[in-house]
Protein backbone atom coordinates (compact mmCIF):
# COMPACT_ATOMS: atom_id res chain seq x y z
CA UNK A 1 156.99 130.96 146.00
CA UNK A 2 154.08 133.12 144.91
CA UNK A 3 153.77 136.39 146.87
CA UNK A 4 151.41 136.19 149.86
CA UNK A 5 149.82 138.83 152.08
CA UNK A 6 150.67 138.43 155.76
CA UNK A 7 147.40 138.87 157.74
CA UNK A 8 149.35 139.88 160.86
CA UNK A 9 150.80 142.95 159.12
CA UNK A 10 149.11 146.12 157.97
CA UNK A 11 147.62 145.62 154.51
CA UNK A 12 149.01 148.89 153.12
CA UNK A 13 152.53 147.86 154.09
CA UNK A 14 152.08 144.37 152.65
CA UNK A 15 150.78 145.73 149.36
CA UNK A 16 153.75 148.11 149.10
CA UNK A 17 156.18 145.25 149.81
CA UNK A 18 154.66 142.85 147.28
CA UNK A 19 154.13 145.52 144.62
CA UNK A 20 157.78 146.55 144.86
CA UNK A 21 158.99 142.96 144.43
CA UNK A 22 156.72 142.33 141.45
CA UNK A 23 157.61 145.66 139.88
CA UNK A 24 161.30 144.76 140.10
CA UNK A 25 160.51 141.47 138.35
CA UNK A 26 158.74 143.40 135.57
CA UNK A 27 161.70 145.72 135.04
CA UNK A 28 164.21 142.87 135.17
CA UNK A 29 162.41 140.82 132.52
CA UNK A 30 161.93 143.85 130.29
CA UNK A 31 165.64 144.66 130.47
CA UNK A 32 166.37 141.02 129.62
CA UNK A 33 164.06 141.30 126.58
CA UNK A 34 161.80 138.59 128.00
CA UNK A 35 158.28 139.80 127.12
CA UNK A 36 156.54 136.62 128.25
CA UNK A 37 157.86 136.65 131.83
CA UNK A 38 157.44 140.42 132.10
CA UNK A 39 153.77 140.06 131.13
CA UNK A 40 153.30 137.28 133.70
CA UNK A 41 154.73 139.50 136.44
CA UNK A 42 152.48 142.36 135.33
CA UNK A 43 149.41 140.12 135.54
CA UNK A 44 150.25 139.25 139.14
CA UNK A 45 150.83 142.89 139.97
CA UNK A 46 147.57 143.99 138.36
CA UNK A 47 145.71 141.28 140.29
CA UNK A 48 147.15 142.68 143.53
CA UNK A 49 146.13 146.24 142.64
CA UNK A 50 142.61 145.13 141.74
CA UNK A 51 142.28 143.22 145.00
CA UNK A 52 142.92 146.35 147.06
CA UNK A 53 141.47 148.94 144.67
CA UNK A 54 138.64 149.87 147.09
CA UNK A 55 141.29 151.44 149.36
CA UNK A 56 142.10 154.14 146.79
CA UNK A 57 140.06 153.55 143.61
CA UNK A 58 141.31 156.38 141.38
CA UNK A 59 145.05 156.07 141.90
CA UNK A 60 145.11 152.27 141.99
CA UNK A 61 143.00 152.07 138.85
CA UNK A 62 145.38 154.45 137.07
CA UNK A 63 148.42 152.41 138.14
CA UNK A 64 146.77 149.19 137.01
CA UNK A 65 145.95 150.67 133.60
CA UNK A 66 149.52 151.84 133.12
CA UNK A 67 150.83 148.35 133.86
CA UNK A 68 148.23 146.96 131.45
CA UNK A 69 149.50 149.28 128.71
CA UNK A 70 153.09 148.23 129.46
CA UNK A 71 152.11 144.60 128.89
CA UNK A 72 150.33 145.50 125.66
CA UNK A 73 153.42 147.31 124.38
CA UNK A 74 155.37 144.03 124.24
CA UNK A 75 152.44 141.80 123.27
CA UNK A 76 153.23 141.80 119.54
CA UNK A 77 156.43 139.79 119.88
CA UNK A 78 154.80 137.39 122.32
CA UNK A 79 151.70 136.86 120.17
CA UNK A 80 153.81 136.05 117.12
CA UNK A 81 155.79 133.47 119.10
CA UNK A 82 152.58 132.04 120.60
CA UNK A 83 151.24 131.38 117.11
CA UNK A 84 154.25 129.15 116.36
CA UNK A 85 153.81 127.35 119.70
CA UNK A 86 150.12 126.78 118.91
CA UNK A 87 150.95 125.23 115.55
CA UNK A 88 153.55 123.03 117.28
CA UNK A 89 150.83 121.75 119.64
CA UNK A 90 148.65 120.85 116.68
CA UNK A 91 151.54 119.03 114.99
CA UNK A 92 152.03 117.03 118.19
CA UNK A 93 148.35 116.41 118.98
CA UNK A 94 147.13 115.77 115.44
CA UNK A 95 149.98 113.93 113.63
CA UNK A 96 147.59 112.47 111.06
CA UNK A 97 146.57 116.00 110.03
CA UNK A 98 150.05 117.43 109.46
CA UNK A 99 150.21 116.61 105.76
CA UNK A 100 146.57 117.33 104.92
CA UNK A 101 146.61 120.68 106.73
CA UNK A 102 150.09 121.64 105.45
CA UNK A 103 151.14 122.34 109.02
CA UNK A 104 154.89 122.20 108.38
CA UNK A 105 154.62 124.79 105.61
CA UNK A 106 152.32 127.05 107.61
CA UNK A 107 154.62 126.80 110.60
CA UNK A 108 157.53 127.96 108.47
CA UNK A 109 155.64 131.10 107.48
CA UNK A 110 154.71 131.88 111.09
CA UNK A 111 158.24 131.17 112.32
CA UNK A 112 159.64 133.71 109.87
CA UNK A 113 156.96 136.18 110.96
CA UNK A 114 157.87 135.66 114.62
CA UNK A 115 161.58 136.22 114.01
CA UNK A 116 160.89 139.38 112.02
CA UNK A 117 158.50 140.74 114.67
CA UNK A 118 160.92 140.07 117.50
CA UNK A 119 163.83 141.66 115.69
CA UNK A 120 161.96 144.75 114.47
CA UNK A 121 159.63 145.57 117.34
CA UNK A 122 160.96 144.27 120.62
CA UNK A 123 163.56 146.94 121.35
CA UNK A 124 161.27 149.93 120.79
CA UNK A 125 158.39 148.11 122.49
CA UNK A 126 160.58 147.42 125.51
CA UNK A 127 161.47 151.10 125.83
CA UNK A 128 157.79 152.03 125.70
CA UNK A 129 156.92 149.37 128.26
CA UNK A 130 159.66 150.54 130.63
CA UNK A 131 158.41 154.13 130.45
CA UNK A 132 154.87 152.99 131.25
CA UNK A 133 156.18 150.83 134.07
CA UNK A 134 158.00 153.84 135.57
CA UNK A 135 154.79 155.89 135.46
CA UNK A 136 152.81 153.07 137.06
CA UNK A 137 155.41 152.67 139.80
CA UNK A 138 155.12 156.34 140.70
CA UNK A 139 151.36 155.97 141.03
CA UNK A 140 151.76 152.98 143.35
CA UNK A 141 154.31 154.81 145.51
CA UNK A 142 151.83 157.66 145.96
CA UNK A 143 148.96 155.38 147.08
CA UNK A 144 147.54 155.96 150.55
CA UNK A 145 144.75 153.72 151.81
CA UNK A 146 141.40 155.10 152.93
CA UNK A 147 141.68 155.33 156.75
CA UNK A 148 137.91 154.84 157.02
CA UNK A 149 138.19 151.31 155.64
CA UNK A 150 139.52 148.35 157.60
CA UNK A 151 141.91 145.91 155.94
CA UNK A 152 139.17 143.28 156.03
CA UNK A 153 136.67 145.58 154.33
CA UNK A 154 139.15 146.36 151.57
CA UNK A 155 139.91 142.72 150.85
CA UNK A 156 136.28 141.66 151.05
CA UNK A 157 135.21 144.37 148.60
CA UNK A 158 138.06 143.69 146.17
CA UNK A 159 137.73 139.92 146.18
CA UNK A 160 133.94 140.08 145.93
CA UNK A 161 134.29 142.17 142.78
CA UNK A 162 136.56 139.55 141.22
CA UNK A 163 134.00 136.83 141.97
CA UNK A 164 131.23 139.01 140.51
CA UNK A 165 133.26 139.60 137.34
CA UNK A 166 133.84 135.84 137.08
CA UNK A 167 130.11 135.15 137.14
CA UNK A 168 129.41 137.93 134.64
CA UNK A 169 132.17 136.87 132.23
CA UNK A 170 131.12 133.24 132.43
CA UNK A 171 127.52 134.13 131.62
CA UNK A 172 128.57 136.37 128.74
CA UNK A 173 130.84 133.73 127.18
CA UNK A 174 128.15 131.08 127.48
CA UNK A 175 125.57 133.35 125.90
CA UNK A 176 127.57 134.76 122.99
CA UNK A 177 130.32 132.24 122.27
CA UNK A 178 132.47 135.14 121.03
CA UNK A 179 136.24 134.86 121.22
CA UNK A 180 136.47 138.23 122.95
CA UNK A 181 134.12 137.09 125.73
CA UNK A 182 136.21 133.97 126.34
CA UNK A 183 139.25 136.27 126.46
CA UNK A 184 137.54 138.35 129.17
CA UNK A 185 136.79 135.17 131.12
CA UNK A 186 140.45 134.19 130.82
CA UNK A 187 141.59 137.53 132.26
CA UNK A 188 139.25 137.17 135.24
CA UNK A 189 140.38 133.60 135.92
CA UNK A 190 144.05 134.61 135.75
CA UNK A 191 143.40 137.43 138.23
CA UNK A 192 141.45 135.09 140.50
CA UNK A 193 144.28 132.54 140.58
CA UNK A 194 146.77 135.27 141.51
CA UNK A 195 144.47 136.66 144.22
CA UNK A 196 143.93 133.22 145.74
CA UNK A 197 147.70 132.95 146.00
CA UNK A 198 147.94 136.35 147.66
CA UNK A 199 145.25 135.35 150.17
CA UNK A 200 146.79 131.97 151.02
CA UNK A 201 147.44 132.83 154.68
CA UNK A 202 143.88 133.98 155.32
CA UNK A 203 142.55 130.44 155.34
CA UNK A 204 143.90 127.37 157.10
CA UNK A 205 145.53 125.27 154.43
CA UNK A 206 145.19 128.15 152.02
CA UNK A 207 143.13 127.76 148.87
CA UNK A 208 145.56 125.20 147.48
CA UNK A 209 143.13 122.77 145.84
CA UNK A 210 140.80 125.46 144.57
CA UNK A 211 143.66 127.56 143.23
CA UNK A 212 145.10 124.52 141.44
CA UNK A 213 141.80 123.98 139.63
CA UNK A 214 141.45 127.67 138.82
CA UNK A 215 145.02 127.72 137.46
CA UNK A 216 144.28 124.69 135.29
CA UNK A 217 141.18 126.45 133.96
CA UNK A 218 143.33 129.50 133.19
CA UNK A 219 145.76 127.32 131.22
CA UNK A 220 142.86 125.83 129.28
CA UNK A 221 141.57 129.32 128.52
CA UNK A 222 145.08 130.31 127.46
CA UNK A 223 145.14 127.47 124.95
CA UNK A 224 141.72 128.50 123.68
CA UNK A 225 142.84 132.12 123.36
CA UNK A 226 145.87 131.07 121.30
CA UNK A 227 143.58 129.13 118.96
CA UNK A 228 141.20 132.08 118.64
CA UNK A 229 144.07 134.48 117.85
CA UNK A 230 145.51 132.11 115.26
CA UNK A 231 142.09 131.67 113.63
CA UNK A 232 141.70 135.42 113.39
CA UNK A 233 145.17 135.78 111.89
CA UNK A 234 144.38 133.21 109.22
CA UNK A 235 140.98 134.77 108.49
CA UNK A 236 142.47 138.25 108.07
CA UNK A 237 145.69 137.01 106.47
CA UNK A 238 147.62 139.08 109.05
CA UNK A 239 150.64 136.84 108.61
CA UNK A 240 150.87 137.81 104.92
CA UNK A 241 150.47 134.17 104.00
CA UNK A 242 151.00 133.43 100.31
CA UNK A 243 148.33 131.75 98.20
CA UNK A 244 150.07 128.44 98.86
CA UNK A 245 149.93 126.68 101.23
CA UNK A 246 146.16 126.39 101.39
CA UNK A 247 145.12 127.17 104.99
CA UNK A 248 141.51 126.03 104.54
CA UNK A 249 141.90 122.54 106.05
CA UNK A 250 143.86 123.92 109.02
CA UNK A 251 141.26 126.65 109.58
CA UNK A 252 138.54 123.98 109.80
CA UNK A 253 140.63 121.96 112.27
CA UNK A 254 141.15 125.08 114.38
CA UNK A 255 137.42 125.81 114.40
CA UNK A 256 136.55 122.29 115.49
CA UNK A 257 139.16 122.28 118.25
CA UNK A 258 138.07 125.71 119.47
CA UNK A 259 134.46 124.51 119.80
CA UNK A 260 135.58 121.51 121.90
CA UNK A 261 137.72 123.72 124.13
CA UNK A 262 134.89 126.22 124.61
CA UNK A 263 132.55 123.49 125.86
CA UNK A 264 135.20 122.20 128.26
CA UNK A 265 135.96 125.70 129.55
CA UNK A 266 132.30 126.50 130.27
CA UNK A 267 131.76 123.16 131.98
CA UNK A 268 134.79 123.57 134.24
CA UNK A 269 134.03 127.22 134.99
CA UNK A 270 130.45 126.45 136.08
CA UNK A 271 131.64 123.61 138.29
CA UNK A 272 134.33 125.71 139.93
CA UNK A 273 132.07 128.70 140.44
CA UNK A 274 129.75 126.49 142.46
CA UNK A 275 132.64 125.86 144.85
CA UNK A 276 133.83 129.46 145.08
CA UNK A 277 135.03 130.74 148.47
CA UNK A 278 132.09 131.92 150.59
CA UNK A 279 131.61 133.68 153.92
CA UNK A 280 134.02 136.43 152.98
CA UNK A 281 133.08 138.49 156.01
CA UNK A 282 134.34 135.68 158.24
CA UNK A 283 137.41 135.13 156.04
CA UNK A 284 138.52 138.76 156.25
CA UNK A 285 136.98 139.61 159.61
């Protein structure tokens, strides 16, 4: 079950309880050399810290940044593996394009790259991530909430900021169409899904339906992000691809699929934003 804040308990105590559990998940997955699950736990933890940041902005922001850096430390191995998974999706979804786009050959190159990256970088990256996690944990342990703010005021301010960032990121992605702006929208949507889970008990029936749709949008944005990253890798030849196979046909297929995903993402995001939770004062009153 996703962690949830108990409205009948003091918010500071609930945050400490949930943060400790998530932090232990982070450490466990890092020790198990599981960068993907450690990054997922960090995303949940960062969403929690952002939700209550108004209670102690400086220290909570510092802790959140340290956890962010811990996730980045192990991102190389995960990104290399994600590239292979993205190519596998294309092989499955576009079987008629496998031969023309040389997908089997390209996959072989990326698979070798993933294995090399995991073997050469993961151990040192894990040590760096664990050190950053330890520093972040110390920051969280030292957090004391502003006594002048009620629990409701803290949650209202934190959640309102997430909704504001959603609107801003959505507008920016629609206006520019840049991969980086869609990546920012993805990060906001992931945080929103986690925060809706944390706030489940604050609304009768929770936010179950809305959170499900937001989570689905996050998965769609994740797929789009994987396509964007793979396109960039091909453009910059970051995988040290040889002259053969020719990646031109696959690059065109990626571009076409990315454009379709971008339209779907913007359509779903606009629709969901129109149904965003309102009356926050009443919700957290």
